[in-house]
Amino acid sequence: MSGHTSYRIGGNADALVAPVDRQDLAALLQEIRDQRLPFVVLGGGSNLLVRDGGFRGVVISLKKMAAIEIFREYRSLGGSFSVIHVEAGAMLARLLSFTVERGLTGLEFATGIPGTVGGAVCMNAAPHRARWAISSTRSPLFHPRGN
């Protein structure tokens, strides 16, 4: 795991799997559930400590699920705004670059926060009183029990 964390420490996992899309992730979670295997989800590995003994189970890396795209744009007399579809494995720095290049605002609070969008939303990684819940309109969840 040392090659997958920002601190570059930790032993091996029994398996490291990187699904490429939601269907792949759903199938993987189903197999893990059927086999009753322990698992953990890994985003970018920022600020993650893994013991020297590693992890006995499956590590699910979301690094291949990192798409960022404008989903919809709205224009009105009062201005305009965009809805962006971002997968959990996208790095925050890449999302911020994407928005800056298009002149979009609203995520300035996330400047300097390491890691992935999924990790930031899950941990509400934001300084001061900023919240991802305000910036996030919909976050599909995958439950390990399939419901």
Protein backbone atom coordinates (compact mmCIF):
# COMPACT_ATOMS: atom_id res chain seq x y z
CA MET A 1 0.00 0.00 0.00
CA SER A 2 3.00 2.31 0.38
CA GLY A 3 2.82 3.17 -3.31
CA HIS A 4 -0.79 4.30 -2.93
CA THR A 5 -0.60 6.71 0.02
CA SER A 6 0.76 10.24 0.34
CA TYR A 7 2.95 9.20 3.29
CA ARG A 8 4.41 6.28 1.30
CA ILE A 9 4.06 3.80 4.17
CA GLY A 10 2.23 0.55 4.78
CA GLY A 11 2.30 -3.11 3.91
CA ASN A 12 0.49 -4.97 1.17
CA ALA A 13 -3.22 -5.62 0.79
CA ASP A 14 -4.60 -9.01 -0.17
CA ALA A 15 -6.07 -7.41 -3.30
CA LEU A 16 -6.15 -3.94 -4.85
CA VAL A 17 -8.91 -3.40 -7.41
CA ALA A 18 -9.69 -0.29 -9.46
CA PRO A 19 -13.18 -0.31 -11.00
CA VAL A 20 -13.59 1.86 -14.11
CA ASP A 21 -17.27 2.87 -13.74
CA ARG A 22 -20.38 2.53 -11.55
CA GLN A 23 -21.39 -0.80 -13.06
CA ASP A 24 -17.92 -2.21 -12.43
CA LEU A 25 -18.02 -0.93 -8.83
CA ALA A 26 -21.48 -2.39 -8.25
CA ALA A 27 -20.38 -5.80 -9.58
CA LEU A 28 -17.25 -5.69 -7.42
CA LEU A 29 -19.25 -4.85 -4.28
CA GLN A 30 -21.65 -7.68 -5.07
CA GLU A 31 -18.76 -10.15 -5.35
CA ILE A 32 -17.19 -8.85 -2.12
CA ARG A 33 -20.53 -9.24 -0.35
CA ASP A 34 -21.08 -12.74 -1.75
CA GLN A 35 -17.59 -13.81 -0.65
CA ARG A 36 -17.94 -11.98 2.71
CA LEU A 37 -14.58 -10.30 2.24
CA PRO A 38 -13.40 -7.32 4.28
CA PHE A 39 -12.84 -4.22 2.17
CA VAL A 40 -11.92 -0.57 2.33
CA VAL A 41 -12.36 2.20 -0.25
CA LEU A 42 -9.29 4.20 -1.22
CA GLY A 43 -9.50 7.59 -2.88
CA GLY A 44 -6.22 9.36 -3.55
CA GLY A 45 -4.52 8.02 -0.42
CA SER A 46 -3.98 11.51 1.01
CA ASN A 47 -3.30 11.56 4.74
CA LEU A 48 -3.84 7.81 4.97
CA LEU A 49 -1.82 5.66 7.35
CA VAL A 50 -1.57 1.94 6.60
CA ARG A 51 0.06 -0.37 9.09
CA ASP A 52 3.20 -2.30 8.18
CA GLY A 53 1.14 -5.49 8.20
CA GLY A 54 -0.99 -4.10 5.38
CA PHE A 55 -4.70 -4.81 4.96
CA ARG A 56 -6.20 -8.29 5.01
CA GLY A 57 -8.93 -7.84 2.45
CA VAL A 58 -9.80 -5.95 -0.72
CA VAL A 59 -8.78 -2.35 -1.26
CA ILE A 60 -11.05 -0.62 -3.77
CA SER A 61 -9.20 2.22 -5.50
CA LEU A 62 -11.41 4.85 -7.13
CA LYS A 63 -8.54 6.43 -9.11
CA LYS A 64 -9.99 5.27 -12.45
CA MET A 65 -13.40 6.76 -11.61
CA ALA A 66 -12.26 10.35 -12.04
CA ALA A 67 -14.37 11.92 -14.80
CA ILE A 68 -15.24 15.61 -14.65
CA GLU A 69 -17.75 17.11 -17.07
CA ILE A 70 -20.31 19.87 -17.29
CA PHE A 71 -23.64 18.11 -16.93
CA ARG A 72 -25.95 21.05 -17.54
CA GLU A 73 -25.72 24.84 -17.95
CA TYR A 74 -28.42 27.28 -16.98
CA ARG A 75 -28.69 30.90 -18.14
CA SER A 76 -31.17 33.50 -16.96
CA LEU A 77 -31.50 37.25 -16.60
CA GLY A 78 -29.88 37.03 -13.16
CA GLY A 79 -26.79 35.18 -14.42
CA SER A 80 -25.81 31.64 -15.17
CA PHE A 81 -24.63 28.54 -13.39
CA SER A 82 -23.40 25.08 -14.26
CA VAL A 83 -23.99 21.64 -12.84
CA ILE A 84 -20.82 19.57 -12.95
CA HIS A 85 -20.72 15.78 -12.83
CA VAL A 86 -17.63 14.67 -10.90
CA GLU A 87 -16.72 11.10 -10.04
CA ALA A 88 -15.39 10.30 -6.57
CA GLY A 89 -11.85 9.51 -7.70
CA ALA A 90 -11.22 12.92 -9.28
CA MET A 91 -8.52 14.90 -7.51
CA LEU A 92 -9.72 18.15 -5.95
CA ALA A 93 -6.90 20.10 -7.59
CA ARG A 94 -8.05 18.84 -11.00
CA LEU A 95 -11.67 19.84 -10.27
CA LEU A 96 -10.55 23.32 -9.22
CA SER A 97 -8.48 23.71 -12.40
CA PHE A 98 -11.50 22.58 -14.43
CA THR A 99 -13.73 25.23 -12.84
CA VAL A 100 -11.16 28.03 -13.08
CA GLU A 101 -10.53 27.32 -16.78
CA ARG A 102 -14.27 27.77 -17.40
CA GLY A 103 -14.69 30.84 -15.22
CA LEU A 104 -16.87 29.00 -12.70
CA THR A 105 -16.93 29.93 -9.02
CA GLY A 106 -18.16 28.44 -5.77
CA LEU A 107 -15.43 25.96 -4.86
CA GLU A 108 -12.79 28.47 -3.80
CA PHE A 109 -12.97 27.12 -0.24
CA ALA A 110 -11.45 23.84 -1.46
CA THR A 111 -8.18 25.43 -2.59
CA GLY A 112 -5.24 23.66 -0.99
CA ILE A 113 -7.21 20.65 0.28
CA PRO A 114 -5.42 17.46 -0.81
CA GLY A 115 -7.17 14.35 -2.00
CA THR A 116 -10.17 13.35 -4.05
CA VAL A 117 -13.65 14.72 -4.40
CA GLY A 118 -15.12 11.55 -2.87
CA GLY A 119 -12.89 11.84 0.18
CA ALA A 120 -13.65 15.53 0.58
CA VAL A 121 -17.41 14.99 0.41
CA CYS A 122 -17.28 11.94 2.69
CA MET A 123 -15.20 13.74 5.32
CA ASN A 124 -16.66 17.22 4.69
CA ALA A 125 -13.08 18.44 4.19
CA ALA A 126 -13.55 22.19 4.16
CA PRO A 127 -12.08 25.08 6.12
CA HIS A 128 -14.03 27.52 8.24
CA ARG A 129 -17.80 27.27 7.71
CA ALA A 130 -17.75 26.04 4.11
CA ARG A 131 -19.56 22.77 3.47
CA TRP A 132 -19.55 20.29 0.61
CA ALA A 133 -23.24 19.66 1.22
CA ILE A 134 -23.98 23.18 -0.03
CA SER A 135 -21.96 22.61 -3.21
CA SER A 136 -23.15 19.05 -3.81
CA THR A 137 -26.64 18.51 -5.16
CA ARG A 138 -26.59 14.74 -5.55
CA SER A 139 -24.18 12.05 -4.43
CA PRO A 140 -25.06 8.49 -5.49
CA LEU A 141 -24.08 6.03 -2.78
CA PHE A 142 -23.12 2.39 -3.02
CA HIS A 143 -24.02 0.38 0.06
CA PRO A 144 -21.96 -2.73 0.72
CA ARG A 145 -25.13 -4.76 1.36
CA GLY A 146 -26.49 -3.75 -2.03
CA ASN A 147 -29.43 -1.66 -0.81
